[in-house]
């Protein structure tokens, strides 16, 4: 055990605050079970000034969205020389921006859905329905809408635009098919998880309402081969953005078995419904051990 006294940072000011609190409580309990002295820290602002006891040796970041994933807290901890979990400031900033992530993935040969960026004030797209409309820099499906019919466009656009201070919107082709996700733990892919969501749409409610969605682990020979392929792609995307420690790469899989990377999550959820801990458990890694492994990889810069 390299660290003994650790802080778990959660809460914050983003739209994902409540999810962060749930993740943080679970992580704190897991680390305590693993033998660490744990200090839960609930942030009420985008600052870590004065929030840590002097004896803290490392920080486990359970802060979803905003300051927790856009490089803010990472840069502040770097300035203090405090080791922390997950990606560094530059990779966090890049991964938080879905548009920049797509471009980094494309440069690395990782396929993402066709897309268009609508700047503030632009309300028309040249792309054909169905489409997914997203704020470029938010998470947990907050503000994300699926537009199947023209009459749904205006509301989806307005919803996504409210979540972006610059009024930009990312519009993607909806990839019909299956929803998969692959966790990355210390540079290795965890077992792929398939999400069976209501109406085939893994939105906010489907993600965080217990029982709303089911998960399965692809297990027939064809799916196992596809899972291996997705694991390789997930690691390639993860490294293309410069991530480290842990993350989760989300996919849509076409009926022909072609995977498309949707996004990379650098601070994935650790709630009772979260997918990375379930994938780790599938691989035989119990929750307290998972938290400990991630913590022991903490570093600055």
C-alpha atoms as a PDB file:
ATOM      1  CA  UNK A   1       0.000   0.000   0.000  1.00  0.00           C
ATOM      2  CA  UNK A   2       1.711   3.141  -1.273  1.00  0.00           C
ATOM      3  CA  UNK A   3      -0.874   5.537   0.180  1.00  0.00           C
ATOM      4  CA  UNK A   4      -2.603   5.315   3.546  1.00  0.00           C
ATOM      5  CA  UNK A   5      -4.549   8.556   4.049  1.00  0.00           C
ATOM      6  CA  UNK A   6      -6.642   9.538   1.046  1.00  0.00           C
ATOM      7  CA  UNK A   7      -9.395  11.971   0.109  1.00  0.00           C
ATOM      8  CA  UNK A   8     -12.367  11.075  -2.094  1.00  0.00           C
ATOM      9  CA  UNK A   9     -13.574  14.212  -3.872  1.00  0.00           C
ATOM     10  CA  UNK A  10     -17.217  14.298  -4.944  1.00  0.00           C
ATOM     11  CA  UNK A  11     -20.178  16.644  -5.430  1.00  0.00           C
ATOM     12  CA  UNK A  12     -19.201  19.807  -7.260  1.00  0.00           C
ATOM     13  CA  UNK A  13     -21.291  22.233  -9.254  1.00  0.00           C
ATOM     14  CA  UNK A  14     -21.957  20.342 -12.500  1.00  0.00           C
ATOM     15  CA  UNK A  15     -25.257  18.855 -13.639  1.00  0.00           C
ATOM     16  CA  UNK A  16     -23.849  15.481 -12.531  1.00  0.00           C
ATOM     17  CA  UNK A  17     -23.486  16.420  -8.846  1.00  0.00           C
ATOM     18  CA  UNK A  18     -25.963  13.857  -7.498  1.00  0.00           C
ATOM     19  CA  UNK A  19     -24.390  11.033  -9.494  1.00  0.00           C
ATOM     20  CA  UNK A  20     -20.970  12.127  -8.251  1.00  0.00           C
ATOM     21  CA  UNK A  21     -22.131  11.975  -4.639  1.00  0.00           C
ATOM     22  CA  UNK A  22     -23.363   8.424  -5.145  1.00  0.00           C
ATOM     23  CA  UNK A  23     -20.096   7.412  -6.802  1.00  0.00           C
ATOM     24  CA  UNK A  24     -18.013   9.096  -4.111  1.00  0.00           C
ATOM     25  CA  UNK A  25     -19.810   7.423  -1.230  1.00  0.00           C
ATOM     26  CA  UNK A  26     -19.383   4.016  -2.844  1.00  0.00           C
ATOM     27  CA  UNK A  27     -15.672   4.611  -3.504  1.00  0.00           C
ATOM     28  CA  UNK A  28     -15.081   5.854   0.050  1.00  0.00           C
ATOM     29  CA  UNK A  29     -16.681   2.701   1.430  1.00  0.00           C
ATOM     30  CA  UNK A  30     -14.654   0.512  -0.930  1.00  0.00           C
ATOM     31  CA  UNK A  31     -11.365   2.149   0.043  1.00  0.00           C
ATOM     32  CA  UNK A  32     -12.208   1.900   3.742  1.00  0.00           C
ATOM     33  CA  UNK A  33     -12.844  -1.819   3.276  1.00  0.00           C
ATOM     34  CA  UNK A  34      -9.407  -2.072   1.645  1.00  0.00           C
ATOM     35  CA  UNK A  35      -7.780  -0.565   4.735  1.00  0.00           C
ATOM     36  CA  UNK A  36      -7.283   3.094   3.799  1.00  0.00           C
ATOM     37  CA  UNK A  37      -8.002   6.036   6.069  1.00  0.00           C
ATOM     38  CA  UNK A  38     -10.582   7.850   3.958  1.00  0.00           C
ATOM     39  CA  UNK A  39     -11.606  11.516   4.105  1.00  0.00           C
ATOM     40  CA  UNK A  40     -14.737  12.216   2.021  1.00  0.00           C
ATOM     41  CA  UNK A  41     -14.628  15.732   0.561  1.00  0.00           C
ATOM     42  CA  UNK A  42     -17.830  17.229  -0.861  1.00  0.00           C
ATOM     43  CA  UNK A  43     -17.073  20.221  -3.081  1.00  0.00           C
ATOM     44  CA  UNK A  44     -19.505  23.124  -3.243  1.00  0.00           C
ATOM     45  CA  UNK A  45     -17.425  25.179  -5.682  1.00  0.00           C
ATOM     46  CA  UNK A  46     -14.848  24.685  -8.423  1.00  0.00           C
ATOM     47  CA  UNK A  47     -11.902  24.857  -6.074  1.00  0.00           C
ATOM     48  CA  UNK A  48      -9.901  22.592  -3.784  1.00  0.00           C
ATOM     49  CA  UNK A  49      -8.492  25.452  -1.705  1.00  0.00           C
ATOM     50  CA  UNK A  50      -8.525  24.522   1.960  1.00  0.00           C
ATOM     51  CA  UNK A  51     -10.540  21.323   1.552  1.00  0.00           C
ATOM     52  CA  UNK A  52      -7.887  18.710   2.373  1.00  0.00           C
ATOM     53  CA  UNK A  53      -6.536  17.820   5.806  1.00  0.00           C
ATOM     54  CA  UNK A  54      -2.745  18.149   5.992  1.00  0.00           C
ATOM     55  CA  UNK A  55      -2.217  14.396   6.252  1.00  0.00           C
ATOM     56  CA  UNK A  56      -3.783  13.585   2.853  1.00  0.00           C
ATOM     57  CA  UNK A  57      -1.391  11.678   0.574  1.00  0.00           C
ATOM     58  CA  UNK A  58      -3.528  11.204  -2.547  1.00  0.00           C
ATOM     59  CA  UNK A  59      -6.920  12.080  -4.024  1.00  0.00           C
ATOM     60  CA  UNK A  60      -9.456   9.760  -5.614  1.00  0.00           C
ATOM     61  CA  UNK A  61     -11.469  11.905  -8.035  1.00  0.00           C
ATOM     62  CA  UNK A  62     -15.155  10.958  -8.097  1.00  0.00           C
ATOM     63  CA  UNK A  63     -16.195  14.309  -9.510  1.00  0.00           C
ATOM     64  CA  UNK A  64     -18.243  13.831 -12.692  1.00  0.00           C
ATOM     65  CA  UNK A  65     -18.558  16.535 -15.321  1.00  0.00           C
ATOM     66  CA  UNK A  66     -17.360  20.141 -15.194  1.00  0.00           C
ATOM     67  CA  UNK A  67     -14.410  20.833 -12.903  1.00  0.00           C
ATOM     68  CA  UNK A  68     -13.871  17.122 -12.306  1.00  0.00           C
ATOM     69  CA  UNK A  69     -13.469  16.091 -15.935  1.00  0.00           C
ATOM     70  CA  UNK A  70     -12.434  19.223 -17.833  1.00  0.00           C
ATOM     71  CA  UNK A  71      -8.926  19.330 -16.410  1.00  0.00           C
ATOM     72  CA  UNK A  72      -9.744  21.853 -13.697  1.00  0.00           C
ATOM     73  CA  UNK A  73      -9.217  19.811 -10.562  1.00  0.00           C
ATOM     74  CA  UNK A  74      -6.357  17.931 -12.200  1.00  0.00           C
ATOM     75  CA  UNK A  75      -4.471  21.165 -12.898  1.00  0.00           C
ATOM     76  CA  UNK A  76      -5.113  22.402  -9.360  1.00  0.00           C
ATOM     77  CA  UNK A  77      -3.831  19.156  -7.852  1.00  0.00           C
ATOM     78  CA  UNK A  78      -0.795  19.228 -10.142  1.00  0.00           C
ATOM     79  CA  UNK A  79       0.019  22.702  -8.806  1.00  0.00           C
ATOM     80  CA  UNK A  80      -0.043  21.279  -5.278  1.00  0.00           C
ATOM     81  CA  UNK A  81       2.031  18.227  -6.147  1.00  0.00           C
ATOM     82  CA  UNK A  82      -0.822  15.986  -4.986  1.00  0.00           C
ATOM     83  CA  UNK A  83      -1.181  12.563  -6.653  1.00  0.00           C
ATOM     84  CA  UNK A  84      -4.671  11.857  -8.025  1.00  0.00           C
ATOM     85  CA  UNK A  85      -6.507   9.120  -9.873  1.00  0.00           C
ATOM     86  CA  UNK A  86      -7.232   9.020 -13.562  1.00  0.00           C
ATOM     87  CA  UNK A  87      -6.162  11.139 -16.487  1.00  0.00           C
ATOM     88  CA  UNK A  88      -4.061  14.266 -16.306  1.00  0.00           C
ATOM     89  CA  UNK A  89      -5.271  17.777 -17.017  1.00  0.00           C
ATOM     90  CA  UNK A  90      -4.597  17.864 -20.781  1.00  0.00           C
ATOM     91  CA  UNK A  91      -6.201  14.491 -21.528  1.00  0.00           C
ATOM     92  CA  UNK A  92      -9.161  15.328 -19.291  1.00  0.00           C
ATOM     93  CA  UNK A  93      -9.778  18.563 -21.188  1.00  0.00           C
ATOM     94  CA  UNK A  94      -9.608  16.766 -24.511  1.00  0.00           C
ATOM     95  CA  UNK A  95     -11.845  13.853 -23.516  1.00  0.00           C
ATOM     96  CA  UNK A  96     -14.446  16.192 -22.018  1.00  0.00           C
ATOM     97  CA  UNK A  97     -14.827  17.870 -25.413  1.00  0.00           C
ATOM     98  CA  UNK A  98     -16.700  15.350 -27.569  1.00  0.00           C
ATOM     99  CA  UNK A  99     -15.742  17.189 -30.748  1.00  0.00           C
ATOM    100  CA  UNK A 100     -12.018  17.195 -29.920  1.00  0.00           C
ATOM    101  CA  UNK A 101     -12.272  13.541 -28.891  1.00  0.00           C
ATOM    102  CA  UNK A 102     -13.803  12.591 -32.232  1.00  0.00           C
ATOM    103  CA  UNK A 103     -10.988  14.347 -34.068  1.00  0.00           C
ATOM    104  CA  UNK A 104      -8.310  12.629 -31.961  1.00  0.00           C
ATOM    105  CA  UNK A 105      -9.975   9.267 -32.542  1.00  0.00           C
ATOM    106  CA  UNK A 106     -10.212   9.859 -36.277  1.00  0.00           C
ATOM    107  CA  UNK A 107      -6.494  10.713 -36.383  1.00  0.00           C
ATOM    108  CA  UNK A 108      -5.783   7.363 -34.687  1.00  0.00           C
ATOM    109  CA  UNK A 109      -7.959   5.425 -37.121  1.00  0.00           C
ATOM    110  CA  UNK A 110     -10.810   4.923 -34.668  1.00  0.00           C
ATOM    111  CA  UNK A 111     -14.219   5.146 -36.342  1.00  0.00           C
ATOM    112  CA  UNK A 112     -16.861   7.447 -34.832  1.00  0.00           C
ATOM    113  CA  UNK A 113     -20.361   8.276 -36.142  1.00  0.00           C
ATOM    114  CA  UNK A 114     -20.598  10.912 -38.917  1.00  0.00           C
ATOM    115  CA  UNK A 115     -21.187  14.314 -37.342  1.00  0.00           C
ATOM    116  CA  UNK A 116     -21.695  18.013 -37.744  1.00  0.00           C
ATOM    117  CA  UNK A 117     -21.046  20.893 -35.341  1.00  0.00           C
ATOM    118  CA  UNK A 118     -23.706  23.582 -35.126  1.00  0.00           C
ATOM    119  CA  UNK A 119     -22.369  26.857 -33.818  1.00  0.00           C
ATOM    120  CA  UNK A 120     -24.442  29.234 -31.711  1.00  0.00           C
ATOM    121  CA  UNK A 121     -27.453  30.483 -33.647  1.00  0.00           C
ATOM    122  CA  UNK A 122     -27.329  27.747 -36.272  1.00  0.00           C
ATOM    123  CA  UNK A 123     -30.546  25.707 -36.267  1.00  0.00           C
ATOM    124  CA  UNK A 124     -30.357  23.683 -39.479  1.00  0.00           C
ATOM    125  CA  UNK A 125     -28.420  20.516 -40.257  1.00  0.00           C
ATOM    126  CA  UNK A 126     -27.596  18.881 -43.570  1.00  0.00           C
ATOM    127  CA  UNK A 127     -27.662  15.426 -41.968  1.00  0.00           C
ATOM    128  CA  UNK A 128     -30.530  12.974 -42.322  1.00  0.00           C
ATOM    129  CA  UNK A 129     -32.654  11.601 -39.492  1.00  0.00           C
ATOM    130  CA  UNK A 130     -32.435   9.837 -37.120  1.00  0.00           C
ATOM    131  CA  UNK A 131     -29.878  11.983 -35.313  1.00  0.00           C
ATOM    132  CA  UNK A 132     -28.418  12.302 -31.841  1.00  0.00           C
ATOM    133  CA  UNK A 133     -28.073  15.862 -30.536  1.00  0.00           C
ATOM    134  CA  UNK A 134     -25.490  16.461 -27.790  1.00  0.00           C
ATOM    135  CA  UNK A 135     -23.910  19.292 -25.839  1.00  0.00           C
ATOM    136  CA  UNK A 136     -20.203  19.000 -26.708  1.00  0.00           C
ATOM    137  CA  UNK A 137     -18.902  19.146 -23.141  1.00  0.00           C
ATOM    138  CA  UNK A 138     -21.241  17.396 -20.723  1.00  0.00           C
ATOM    139  CA  UNK A 139     -21.664  13.840 -19.529  1.00  0.00           C
ATOM    140  CA  UNK A 140     -24.063  11.214 -18.146  1.00  0.00           C
ATOM    141  CA  UNK A 141     -26.311  11.847 -21.187  1.00  0.00           C
ATOM    142  CA  UNK A 142     -27.350  15.199 -19.695  1.00  0.00           C
ATOM    143  CA  UNK A 143     -28.908  17.261 -22.482  1.00  0.00           C
ATOM    144  CA  UNK A 144     -28.602  14.459 -25.051  1.00  0.00           C
ATOM    145  CA  UNK A 145     -31.606  13.813 -27.288  1.00  0.00           C
ATOM    146  CA  UNK A 146     -32.528  11.327 -29.998  1.00  0.00           C
ATOM    147  CA  UNK A 147     -34.378  12.868 -32.922  1.00  0.00           C
ATOM    148  CA  UNK A 148     -36.324  10.293 -34.921  1.00  0.00           C
ATOM    149  CA  UNK A 149     -38.861  12.695 -36.462  1.00  0.00           C
ATOM    150  CA  UNK A 150     -38.550  16.278 -37.709  1.00  0.00           C
ATOM    151  CA  UNK A 151     -41.001  17.515 -35.074  1.00  0.00           C
ATOM    152  CA  UNK A 152     -38.551  16.535 -32.312  1.00  0.00           C
ATOM    153  CA  UNK A 153     -35.664  18.599 -33.683  1.00  0.00           C
ATOM    154  CA  UNK A 154     -36.314  22.033 -32.137  1.00  0.00           C
ATOM    155  CA  UNK A 155     -36.787  20.717 -28.595  1.00  0.00           C
ATOM    156  CA  UNK A 156     -33.696  18.488 -28.770  1.00  0.00           C
ATOM    157  CA  UNK A 157     -31.589  21.319 -30.149  1.00  0.00           C
ATOM    158  CA  UNK A 158     -32.739  23.725 -27.435  1.00  0.00           C
ATOM    159  CA  UNK A 159     -32.138  21.137 -24.710  1.00  0.00           C
ATOM    160  CA  UNK A 160     -28.577  20.445 -25.844  1.00  0.00           C
ATOM    161  CA  UNK A 161     -27.788  24.117 -26.407  1.00  0.00           C
ATOM    162  CA  UNK A 162     -28.810  25.032 -22.847  1.00  0.00           C
ATOM    163  CA  UNK A 163     -25.967  22.843 -21.554  1.00  0.00           C
ATOM    164  CA  UNK A 164     -23.192  24.574 -23.516  1.00  0.00           C
ATOM    165  CA  UNK A 165     -22.044  28.094 -22.541  1.00  0.00           C
ATOM    166  CA  UNK A 166     -21.016  28.818 -26.137  1.00  0.00           C
ATOM    167  CA  UNK A 167     -24.263  27.491 -27.604  1.00  0.00           C
ATOM    168  CA  UNK A 168     -22.518  24.854 -29.716  1.00  0.00           C
ATOM    169  CA  UNK A 169     -24.192  21.537 -30.458  1.00  0.00           C
ATOM    170  CA  UNK A 170     -22.801  18.250 -31.741  1.00  0.00           C
ATOM    171  CA  UNK A 171     -25.094  16.403 -34.143  1.00  0.00           C
ATOM    172  CA  UNK A 172     -24.342  12.762 -34.928  1.00  0.00           C
ATOM    173  CA  UNK A 173     -25.860  10.106 -37.124  1.00  0.00           C
ATOM    174  CA  UNK A 174     -27.754   7.678 -34.899  1.00  0.00           C
ATOM    175  CA  UNK A 175     -26.136   4.273 -35.302  1.00  0.00           C
ATOM    176  CA  UNK A 176     -28.928   1.726 -35.148  1.00  0.00           C
ATOM    177  CA  UNK A 177     -27.944  -1.482 -33.420  1.00  0.00           C
ATOM    178  CA  UNK A 178     -26.509  -2.478 -30.061  1.00  0.00           C
ATOM    179  CA  UNK A 179     -25.148  -0.377 -27.190  1.00  0.00           C
ATOM    180  CA  UNK A 180     -21.837  -1.625 -25.772  1.00  0.00           C
ATOM    181  CA  UNK A 181     -19.271  -0.173 -23.425  1.00  0.00           C
ATOM    182  CA  UNK A 182     -15.718  -1.199 -22.569  1.00  0.00           C
ATOM    183  CA  UNK A 183     -13.964  -0.163 -19.385  1.00  0.00           C
ATOM    184  CA  UNK A 184     -10.224   0.437 -19.423  1.00  0.00           C
ATOM    185  CA  UNK A 185      -8.334  -0.279 -16.217  1.00  0.00           C
ATOM    186  CA  UNK A 186      -4.622   0.531 -16.040  1.00  0.00           C
ATOM    187  CA  UNK A 187      -4.258   0.263 -19.838  1.00  0.00           C
ATOM    188  CA  UNK A 188      -6.099  -3.060 -20.145  1.00  0.00           C
ATOM    189  CA  UNK A 189      -9.618  -3.551 -21.472  1.00  0.00           C
ATOM    190  CA  UNK A 190     -12.217  -5.008 -19.127  1.00  0.00           C
ATOM    191  CA  UNK A 191     -14.956  -7.338 -20.435  1.00  0.00           C
ATOM    192  CA  UNK A 192     -17.330  -5.643 -22.866  1.00  0.00           C
ATOM    193  CA  UNK A 193     -20.806  -4.929 -21.529  1.00  0.00           C
ATOM    194  CA  UNK A 194     -23.975  -4.768 -23.621  1.00  0.00           C
ATOM    195  CA  UNK A 195     -26.718  -2.450 -22.404  1.00  0.00           C
ATOM    196  CA  UNK A 196     -30.315  -3.421 -23.106  1.00  0.00           C
ATOM    197  CA  UNK A 197     -32.138  -0.136 -22.655  1.00  0.00           C
ATOM    198  CA  UNK A 198     -35.825   0.745 -23.128  1.00  0.00           C
ATOM    199  CA  UNK A 199     -36.523   1.389 -26.825  1.00  0.00           C
ATOM    200  CA  UNK A 200     -32.824   0.882 -27.554  1.00  0.00           C
ATOM    201  CA  UNK A 201     -31.926   4.310 -26.122  1.00  0.00           C
ATOM    202  CA  UNK A 202     -29.505   4.550 -23.177  1.00  0.00           C
ATOM    203  CA  UNK A 203     -30.396   8.057 -22.026  1.00  0.00           C
ATOM    204  CA  UNK A 204     -30.103   9.640 -18.575  1.00  0.00           C
ATOM    205  CA  UNK A 205     -33.084   7.880 -17.001  1.00  0.00           C
ATOM    206  CA  UNK A 206     -32.085   4.529 -18.447  1.00  0.00           C
ATOM    207  CA  UNK A 207     -28.569   5.006 -17.031  1.00  0.00           C
ATOM    208  CA  UNK A 208     -29.432   5.977 -13.487  1.00  0.00           C
ATOM    209  CA  UNK A 209     -32.804   4.408 -12.687  1.00  0.00           C
ATOM    210  CA  UNK A 210     -32.187   0.998 -11.108  1.00  0.00           C
ATOM    211  CA  UNK A 211     -33.933  -1.664 -13.152  1.00  0.00           C
ATOM    212  CA  UNK A 212     -34.617   0.585 -16.150  1.00  0.00           C
ATOM    213  CA  UNK A 213     -31.949  -1.146 -18.236  1.00  0.00           C
ATOM    214  CA  UNK A 214     -30.394  -4.573 -18.215  1.00  0.00           C
ATOM    215  CA  UNK A 215     -26.816  -5.495 -18.963  1.00  0.00           C
ATOM    216  CA  UNK A 216     -25.392  -8.667 -20.415  1.00  0.00           C
ATOM    217  CA  UNK A 217     -21.870  -9.819 -21.145  1.00  0.00           C
ATOM    218  CA  UNK A 218     -21.554 -10.859 -24.813  1.00  0.00           C
ATOM    219  CA  UNK A 219     -20.691 -14.529 -24.654  1.00  0.00           C
ATOM    220  CA  UNK A 220     -21.366 -16.427 -27.872  1.00  0.00           C
ATOM    221  CA  UNK A 221     -18.349 -17.051 -30.153  1.00  0.00           C
ATOM    222  CA  UNK A 222     -19.159 -14.242 -32.606  1.00  0.00           C
ATOM    223  CA  UNK A 223     -19.766 -11.765 -29.799  1.00  0.00           C
ATOM    224  CA  UNK A 224     -16.620 -12.806 -27.958  1.00  0.00           C
ATOM    225  CA  UNK A 225     -14.563 -12.050 -31.060  1.00  0.00           C
ATOM    226  CA  UNK A 226     -16.323  -8.698 -31.433  1.00  0.00           C
ATOM    227  CA  UNK A 227     -15.743  -7.963 -27.739  1.00  0.00           C
ATOM    228  CA  UNK A 228     -12.025  -8.589 -28.189  1.00  0.00           C
ATOM    229  CA  UNK A 229     -12.021  -6.218 -31.145  1.00  0.00           C
ATOM    230  CA  UNK A 230     -13.875  -3.546 -29.171  1.00  0.00           C
ATOM    231  CA  UNK A 231     -11.381  -3.953 -26.327  1.00  0.00           C
ATOM    232  CA  UNK A 232      -8.527  -3.239 -28.719  1.00  0.00           C
ATOM    233  CA  UNK A 233     -10.350  -0.231 -30.178  1.00  0.00           C
ATOM    234  CA  UNK A 234     -11.172   1.072 -26.697  1.00  0.00           C
ATOM    235  CA  UNK A 235      -7.514   0.990 -25.687  1.00  0.00           C
ATOM    236  CA  UNK A 236      -6.507   2.694 -28.947  1.00  0.00           C
ATOM    237  CA  UNK A 237      -9.049   5.481 -28.407  1.00  0.00           C
ATOM    238  CA  UNK A 238      -8.049   5.779 -24.733  1.00  0.00           C
ATOM    239  CA  UNK A 239      -4.401   6.269 -25.669  1.00  0.00           C
ATOM    240  CA  UNK A 240      -5.192   8.542 -28.627  1.00  0.00           C
ATOM    241  CA  UNK A 241      -6.643  11.042 -26.171  1.00  0.00           C
ATOM    242  CA  UNK A 242      -3.768  10.518 -23.717  1.00  0.00           C
ATOM    243  CA  UNK A 243      -5.846   8.984 -20.934  1.00  0.00           C
ATOM    244  CA  UNK A 244      -4.494   6.933 -18.052  1.00  0.00           C
ATOM    245  CA  UNK A 245      -5.614   4.984 -14.997  1.00  0.00           C
ATOM    246  CA  UNK A 246      -9.226   4.297 -15.773  1.00  0.00           C
ATOM    247  CA  UNK A 247     -11.909   5.189 -18.261  1.00  0.00           C
ATOM    248  CA  UNK A 248     -14.869   3.863 -20.169  1.00  0.00           C
ATOM    249  CA  UNK A 249     -15.321   3.871 -23.938  1.00  0.00           C
ATOM    250  CA  UNK A 250     -18.882   3.755 -25.258  1.00  0.00           C
ATOM    251  CA  UNK A 251     -19.823   2.086 -28.544  1.00  0.00           C
ATOM    252  CA  UNK A 252     -22.711   1.538 -30.907  1.00  0.00           C
ATOM    253  CA  UNK A 253     -22.518  -1.721 -32.852  1.00  0.00           C
ATOM    254  CA  UNK A 254     -24.309  -2.055 -36.189  1.00  0.00           C
ATOM    255  CA  UNK A 255     -26.256  -5.158 -37.192  1.00  0.00           C
ATOM    256  CA  UNK A 256     -23.266  -6.044 -39.388  1.00  0.00           C
ATOM    257  CA  UNK A 257     -20.988  -6.018 -36.343  1.00  0.00           C
ATOM    258  CA  UNK A 258     -19.225  -2.725 -37.065  1.00  0.00           C
ATOM    259  CA  UNK A 259     -18.287  -0.766 -33.893  1.00  0.00           C
ATOM    260  CA  UNK A 260     -18.458   3.040 -33.662  1.00  0.00           C
ATOM    261  CA  UNK A 261     -16.890   4.864 -30.714  1.00  0.00           C
ATOM    262  CA  UNK A 262     -19.261   7.406 -29.187  1.00  0.00           C
ATOM    263  CA  UNK A 263     -17.162   8.947 -26.425  1.00  0.00           C
ATOM    264  CA  UNK A 264     -14.563   8.414 -23.704  1.00  0.00           C
ATOM    265  CA  UNK A 265     -15.418   8.912 -20.046  1.00  0.00           C
ATOM    266  CA  UNK A 266     -12.389   9.734 -17.866  1.00  0.00           C
ATOM    267  CA  UNK A 267     -14.280   9.679 -14.544  1.00  0.00           C
ATOM    268  CA  UNK A 268     -16.846   6.933 -15.099  1.00  0.00           C
ATOM    269  CA  UNK A 269     -19.608   6.275 -12.610  1.00  0.00           C
ATOM    270  CA  UNK A 270     -19.126   4.110  -9.530  1.00  0.00           C
ATOM    271  CA  UNK A 271     -22.776   3.914  -8.475  1.00  0.00           C
ATOM    272  CA  UNK A 272     -24.845   0.769  -7.919  1.00  0.00           C
ATOM    273  CA  UNK A 273     -25.855   0.815 -11.602  1.00  0.00           C
ATOM    274  CA  UNK A 274     -22.463   1.809 -13.061  1.00  0.00           C
ATOM    275  CA  UNK A 275     -20.869  -0.286 -15.756  1.00  0.00           C
ATOM    276  CA  UNK A 276     -17.120  -0.231 -15.150  1.00  0.00           C
ATOM    277  CA  UNK A 277     -17.413  -1.801 -11.661  1.00  0.00           C
ATOM    278  CA  UNK A 278     -19.738  -4.468 -13.081  1.00  0.00           C
ATOM    279  CA  UNK A 279     -17.208  -5.275 -15.820  1.00  0.00           C
ATOM    280  CA  UNK A 280     -14.413  -5.460 -13.252  1.00  0.00           C
ATOM    281  CA  UNK A 281     -16.489  -7.829 -11.122  1.00  0.00           C
ATOM    282  CA  UNK A 282     -17.011  -9.997 -14.207  1.00  0.00           C
ATOM    283  CA  UNK A 283     -13.229 -10.251 -14.430  1.00  0.00           C
ATOM    284  CA  UNK A 284     -13.021 -11.246 -10.764  1.00  0.00           C
ATOM    285  CA  UNK A 285     -12.044  -7.839  -9.368  1.00  0.00           C
ATOM    286  CA  UNK A 286     -14.155  -7.051  -6.299  1.00  0.00           C
ATOM    287  CA  UNK A 287     -15.221  -3.441  -5.767  1.00  0.00           C
ATOM    288  CA  UNK A 288     -12.805  -2.665  -2.866  1.00  0.00           C
ATOM    289  CA  UNK A 289      -9.908  -4.145  -4.845  1.00  0.00           C
ATOM    290  CA  UNK A 290     -10.919  -2.125  -7.925  1.00  0.00           C
ATOM    291  CA  UNK A 291     -10.884   1.110  -5.913  1.00  0.00           C
ATOM    292  CA  UNK A 292      -7.509   0.209  -4.399  1.00  0.00           C
ATOM    293  CA  UNK A 293      -5.925  -0.597  -7.780  1.00  0.00           C
ATOM    294  CA  UNK A 294      -7.052   2.709  -9.223  1.00  0.00           C
ATOM    295  CA  UNK A 295      -5.857   4.634  -6.182  1.00  0.00           C
ATOM    296  CA  UNK A 296      -2.427   3.009  -6.135  1.00  0.00           C
ATOM    297  CA  UNK A 297      -1.889   4.175  -9.742  1.00  0.00           C
ATOM    298  CA  UNK A 298      -2.495   7.811  -8.734  1.00  0.00           C
ATOM    299  CA  UNK A 299       0.102  10.346  -9.769  1.00  0.00           C
ATOM    300  CA  UNK A 300       0.587  13.999 -10.696  1.00  0.00           C
ATOM    301  CA  UNK A 301       1.030  15.530 -14.131  1.00  0.00           C
END
